Amino acid sequence: MIIVMGKLRIDAAAIEAALPAARKVVAATQAEEGCIQYDYSRDIADPEIFHITERWTSREALGEHLKTAHVAEWIAHLSTLTMKERHIRIYDTDEGEEL
């Protein structure tokens, strides 16, 4: 399984304006083959932070996701915003266990 975790720091007002585009990319991605989880969430302590959580069946599935039109549209939208911070990491892991 592939896990992608990260955060984007964007001006809080810009995040509000980006929510419709974020909802669109999330909905389209969740319907993709190989997507186990794809979520963005606002930080409860810092309104400028979007947390990214993704789980994929394989690197190939993630690679195909990155080629989609909805991801290109989302990246184009993000490029219009002032990004204060972008930190995204990919992890290759097993299925984990209940905690």
N, C-alpha and C. Protein backbone atom coordinates (compact mmCIF):
# COMPACT_ATOMS: atom_id res chain seq x y z
N MET A 1 0.86 -1.18 0.00
CA MET A 1 0.00 0.00 0.00
C MET A 1 0.90 1.23 0.00
N ILE A 2 0.44 2.26 -0.67
CA ILE A 2 1.14 3.55 -0.73
C ILE A 2 0.33 4.56 0.09
N ILE A 3 1.03 5.29 0.95
CA ILE A 3 0.40 6.35 1.74
C ILE A 3 1.05 7.67 1.34
N VAL A 4 0.23 8.66 1.12
CA VAL A 4 0.70 10.02 0.86
C VAL A 4 0.15 10.88 1.99
N MET A 5 1.04 11.58 2.67
CA MET A 5 0.63 12.46 3.78
C MET A 5 1.32 13.81 3.57
N GLY A 6 0.61 14.85 3.92
CA GLY A 6 1.24 16.15 3.79
C GLY A 6 0.35 17.27 4.26
N LYS A 7 0.88 18.47 4.03
CA LYS A 7 0.09 19.65 4.37
C LYS A 7 0.44 20.78 3.42
N LEU A 8 -0.56 21.61 3.20
CA LEU A 8 -0.41 22.83 2.43
C LEU A 8 -0.77 23.98 3.35
N ARG A 9 0.06 25.01 3.38
CA ARG A 9 -0.27 26.22 4.13
C ARG A 9 -0.59 27.31 3.12
N ILE A 10 -1.83 27.76 3.17
CA ILE A 10 -2.36 28.75 2.24
C ILE A 10 -3.13 29.78 3.05
N ASP A 11 -3.14 31.01 2.63
CA ASP A 11 -3.93 32.04 3.30
C ASP A 11 -5.35 31.53 3.53
N ALA A 12 -5.87 31.72 4.74
CA ALA A 12 -7.18 31.17 5.13
C ALA A 12 -8.29 31.60 4.17
N ALA A 13 -8.28 32.85 3.73
CA ALA A 13 -9.31 33.33 2.80
C ALA A 13 -9.20 32.60 1.46
N ALA A 14 -7.98 32.32 1.03
CA ALA A 14 -7.77 31.61 -0.24
C ALA A 14 -8.25 30.16 -0.12
N ILE A 15 -8.08 29.56 1.05
CA ILE A 15 -8.58 28.20 1.26
C ILE A 15 -10.09 28.18 1.10
N GLU A 16 -10.76 29.16 1.68
CA GLU A 16 -12.22 29.23 1.54
C GLU A 16 -12.61 29.28 0.06
N ALA A 17 -11.89 30.08 -0.71
CA ALA A 17 -12.18 30.20 -2.14
C ALA A 17 -11.85 28.92 -2.89
N ALA A 18 -10.89 28.13 -2.38
CA ALA A 18 -10.46 26.90 -3.04
C ALA A 18 -11.34 25.70 -2.72
N LEU A 19 -12.21 25.81 -1.72
CA LEU A 19 -13.00 24.65 -1.29
C LEU A 19 -13.83 24.00 -2.40
N PRO A 20 -14.50 24.75 -3.27
CA PRO A 20 -15.25 24.07 -4.34
C PRO A 20 -14.34 23.23 -5.25
N ALA A 21 -13.17 23.75 -5.60
CA ALA A 21 -12.23 22.99 -6.43
C ALA A 21 -11.68 21.79 -5.67
N ALA A 22 -11.43 21.94 -4.37
CA ALA A 22 -10.94 20.84 -3.55
C ALA A 22 -12.00 19.74 -3.47
N ARG A 23 -13.23 20.11 -3.27
CA ARG A 23 -14.31 19.11 -3.20
C ARG A 23 -14.43 18.34 -4.51
N LYS A 24 -14.24 19.05 -5.62
CA LYS A 24 -14.34 18.42 -6.94
C LYS A 24 -13.23 17.38 -7.14
N VAL A 25 -11.98 17.74 -6.81
CA VAL A 25 -10.88 16.79 -7.01
C VAL A 25 -10.99 15.61 -6.05
N VAL A 26 -11.47 15.86 -4.84
CA VAL A 26 -11.63 14.77 -3.87
C VAL A 26 -12.68 13.78 -4.37
N ALA A 27 -13.82 14.27 -4.79
CA ALA A 27 -14.89 13.38 -5.27
C ALA A 27 -14.44 12.57 -6.48
N ALA A 28 -13.78 13.22 -7.43
CA ALA A 28 -13.33 12.50 -8.64
C ALA A 28 -12.26 11.47 -8.28
N THR A 29 -11.36 11.82 -7.39
CA THR A 29 -10.28 10.91 -7.02
C THR A 29 -10.80 9.71 -6.24
N GLN A 30 -11.74 9.92 -5.35
CA GLN A 30 -12.26 8.81 -4.56
C GLN A 30 -12.92 7.75 -5.43
N ALA A 31 -13.31 8.11 -6.64
CA ALA A 31 -13.93 7.15 -7.57
C ALA A 31 -12.90 6.42 -8.43
N GLU A 32 -11.64 6.77 -8.31
CA GLU A 32 -10.60 6.16 -9.15
C GLU A 32 -10.26 4.74 -8.71
N GLU A 33 -9.92 3.93 -9.71
CA GLU A 33 -9.41 2.57 -9.45
C GLU A 33 -8.10 2.69 -8.65
N GLY A 34 -8.00 1.94 -7.59
CA GLY A 34 -6.77 1.93 -6.79
C GLY A 34 -6.75 2.91 -5.65
N CYS A 35 -7.75 3.78 -5.58
CA CYS A 35 -7.81 4.74 -4.48
C CYS A 35 -8.52 4.09 -3.29
N ILE A 36 -7.82 4.03 -2.17
CA ILE A 36 -8.41 3.50 -0.94
C ILE A 36 -8.96 4.65 -0.10
N GLN A 37 -8.21 5.74 -0.06
CA GLN A 37 -8.62 6.92 0.71
C GLN A 37 -8.00 8.16 0.07
N TYR A 38 -8.75 9.24 -0.01
CA TYR A 38 -8.24 10.50 -0.52
C TYR A 38 -9.02 11.60 0.18
N ASP A 39 -8.38 12.26 1.13
CA ASP A 39 -9.06 13.27 1.93
C ASP A 39 -8.19 14.50 2.14
N TYR A 40 -8.84 15.64 2.14
CA TYR A 40 -8.23 16.89 2.60
C TYR A 40 -9.00 17.31 3.84
N SER A 41 -8.32 17.90 4.79
CA SER A 41 -9.01 18.39 5.97
C SER A 41 -8.35 19.66 6.47
N ARG A 42 -9.15 20.51 7.05
CA ARG A 42 -8.64 21.75 7.65
C ARG A 42 -8.10 21.45 9.03
N ASP A 43 -7.03 22.10 9.39
CA ASP A 43 -6.45 21.95 10.72
C ASP A 43 -7.33 22.71 11.73
N ILE A 44 -7.63 22.10 12.87
CA ILE A 44 -8.50 22.76 13.84
C ILE A 44 -7.78 23.85 14.63
N ALA A 45 -6.45 23.83 14.64
CA ALA A 45 -5.69 24.84 15.37
C ALA A 45 -5.16 25.95 14.47
N ASP A 46 -5.02 25.67 13.18
CA ASP A 46 -4.44 26.65 12.25
C ASP A 46 -5.27 26.66 10.97
N PRO A 47 -6.09 27.69 10.76
CA PRO A 47 -7.00 27.71 9.61
C PRO A 47 -6.30 27.86 8.25
N GLU A 48 -4.99 28.06 8.25
CA GLU A 48 -4.26 28.16 6.98
C GLU A 48 -3.77 26.80 6.48
N ILE A 49 -3.97 25.74 7.26
CA ILE A 49 -3.41 24.44 6.89
C ILE A 49 -4.49 23.49 6.38
N PHE A 50 -4.19 22.91 5.23
CA PHE A 50 -4.93 21.80 4.65
C PHE A 50 -4.08 20.56 4.86
N HIS A 51 -4.62 19.53 5.50
CA HIS A 51 -3.91 18.26 5.64
C HIS A 51 -4.32 17.35 4.49
N ILE A 52 -3.37 16.59 3.99
CA ILE A 52 -3.59 15.67 2.88
C ILE A 52 -3.38 14.25 3.40
N THR A 53 -4.35 13.37 3.15
CA THR A 53 -4.23 11.96 3.50
C THR A 53 -4.70 11.13 2.31
N GLU A 54 -3.80 10.31 1.79
CA GLU A 54 -4.14 9.46 0.66
C GLU A 54 -3.62 8.04 0.94
N ARG A 55 -4.39 7.05 0.49
CA ARG A 55 -3.94 5.66 0.50
C ARG A 55 -4.27 5.06 -0.85
N TRP A 56 -3.29 4.39 -1.44
CA TRP A 56 -3.41 3.81 -2.78
C TRP A 56 -3.00 2.34 -2.75
N THR A 57 -3.58 1.56 -3.65
CA THR A 57 -3.23 0.14 -3.71
C THR A 57 -1.81 -0.07 -4.22
N SER A 58 -1.30 0.87 -5.03
CA SER A 58 0.04 0.70 -5.62
C SER A 58 0.58 2.04 -6.10
N ARG A 59 1.88 2.07 -6.36
CA ARG A 59 2.50 3.26 -6.96
C ARG A 59 1.94 3.50 -8.35
N GLU A 60 1.60 2.44 -9.05
CA GLU A 60 1.03 2.57 -10.39
C GLU A 60 -0.32 3.29 -10.33
N ALA A 61 -1.14 2.93 -9.35
CA ALA A 61 -2.44 3.60 -9.20
C ALA A 61 -2.24 5.08 -8.89
N LEU A 62 -1.29 5.38 -8.03
CA LEU A 62 -0.98 6.79 -7.72
C LEU A 62 -0.48 7.50 -8.97
N GLY A 63 0.38 6.84 -9.73
CA GLY A 63 0.90 7.44 -10.97
C GLY A 63 -0.20 7.76 -11.96
N GLU A 64 -1.16 6.85 -12.11
CA GLU A 64 -2.30 7.10 -13.00
C GLU A 64 -3.14 8.27 -12.50
N HIS A 65 -3.32 8.33 -11.20
CA HIS A 65 -4.07 9.44 -10.60
C HIS A 65 -3.44 10.78 -10.97
N LEU A 66 -2.12 10.84 -10.90
CA LEU A 66 -1.42 12.10 -11.17
C LEU A 66 -1.53 12.55 -12.62
N LYS A 67 -1.97 11.67 -13.51
CA LYS A 67 -2.15 11.99 -14.93
C LYS A 67 -3.57 12.44 -15.28
N THR A 68 -4.49 12.43 -14.31
CA THR A 68 -5.89 12.71 -14.62
C THR A 68 -6.14 14.20 -14.85
N ALA A 69 -7.20 14.47 -15.57
CA ALA A 69 -7.60 15.86 -15.85
C ALA A 69 -7.98 16.59 -14.57
N HIS A 70 -8.64 15.89 -13.62
CA HIS A 70 -9.06 16.58 -12.40
C HIS A 70 -7.86 16.98 -11.53
N VAL A 71 -6.79 16.20 -11.56
CA VAL A 71 -5.58 16.60 -10.83
C VAL A 71 -4.92 17.78 -11.53
N ALA A 72 -4.86 17.76 -12.85
CA ALA A 72 -4.28 18.90 -13.59
C ALA A 72 -5.06 20.18 -13.29
N GLU A 73 -6.37 20.07 -13.24
CA GLU A 73 -7.21 21.23 -12.93
C GLU A 73 -6.94 21.73 -11.50
N TRP A 74 -6.81 20.79 -10.55
CA TRP A 74 -6.55 21.16 -9.15
C TRP A 74 -5.19 21.83 -9.02
N ILE A 75 -4.17 21.28 -9.68
CA ILE A 75 -2.83 21.87 -9.62
C ILE A 75 -2.85 23.27 -10.24
N ALA A 76 -3.57 23.44 -11.33
CA ALA A 76 -3.69 24.77 -11.94
C ALA A 76 -4.35 25.74 -10.98
N HIS A 77 -5.37 25.26 -10.28
CA HIS A 77 -6.05 26.13 -9.30
C HIS A 77 -5.09 26.50 -8.16
N LEU A 78 -4.37 25.50 -7.65
CA LEU A 78 -3.42 25.78 -6.56
C LEU A 78 -2.34 26.78 -6.98
N SER A 79 -1.95 26.74 -8.24
CA SER A 79 -0.89 27.65 -8.71
C SER A 79 -1.34 29.11 -8.69
N THR A 80 -2.64 29.36 -8.59
CA THR A 80 -3.12 30.73 -8.52
C THR A 80 -3.11 31.27 -7.09
N LEU A 81 -2.86 30.39 -6.12
CA LEU A 81 -2.86 30.77 -4.71
C LEU A 81 -1.44 31.00 -4.22
N THR A 82 -1.30 31.82 -3.20
CA THR A 82 0.01 32.01 -2.59
C THR A 82 0.23 30.88 -1.60
N MET A 83 1.10 29.96 -1.97
CA MET A 83 1.41 28.81 -1.13
C MET A 83 2.51 29.21 -0.16
N LYS A 84 2.20 29.19 1.12
CA LYS A 84 3.19 29.55 2.15
C LYS A 84 4.06 28.36 2.52
N GLU A 85 3.51 27.17 2.36
CA GLU A 85 4.25 25.95 2.70
C GLU A 85 3.61 24.78 1.95
N ARG A 86 4.44 23.88 1.50
CA ARG A 86 3.97 22.64 0.85
C ARG A 86 4.90 21.54 1.28
N HIS A 87 4.37 20.56 1.97
CA HIS A 87 5.16 19.44 2.44
C HIS A 87 4.34 18.17 2.23
N ILE A 88 4.75 17.33 1.27
CA ILE A 88 4.02 16.11 0.96
C ILE A 88 5.04 14.97 0.84
N ARG A 89 4.76 13.86 1.53
CA ARG A 89 5.66 12.70 1.51
C ARG A 89 4.88 11.46 1.08
N ILE A 90 5.59 10.54 0.44
CA ILE A 90 5.01 9.27 0.03
C ILE A 90 5.69 8.16 0.83
N TYR A 91 4.89 7.20 1.27
CA TYR A 91 5.39 6.08 2.08
C TYR A 91 4.91 4.77 1.46
N ASP A 92 5.80 3.82 1.39
CA ASP A 92 5.49 2.46 0.96
C ASP A 92 5.35 1.63 2.22
N THR A 93 4.18 1.02 2.43
CA THR A 93 3.94 0.36 3.71
C THR A 93 3.03 -0.86 3.53
N ASP A 94 2.81 -1.56 4.62
CA ASP A 94 1.86 -2.67 4.60
C ASP A 94 0.49 -2.13 5.00
N GLU A 95 -0.42 -3.01 5.28
CA GLU A 95 -1.79 -2.61 5.62
C GLU A 95 -1.94 -2.06 7.03
N GLY A 96 -0.90 -2.20 7.85
CA GLY A 96 -0.98 -1.71 9.22
C GLY A 96 -1.82 -2.64 10.08
N GLU A 97 -2.11 -2.20 11.29
CA GLU A 97 -2.91 -2.98 12.22
C GLU A 97 -3.74 -2.03 13.06
N GLU A 98 -4.82 -2.54 13.60
CA GLU A 98 -5.69 -1.74 14.47
C GLU A 98 -4.93 -1.29 15.71
N LEU A 99 -5.20 -0.09 16.15
CA LEU A 99 -4.58 0.45 17.35
C LEU A 99 -5.61 0.58 18.44
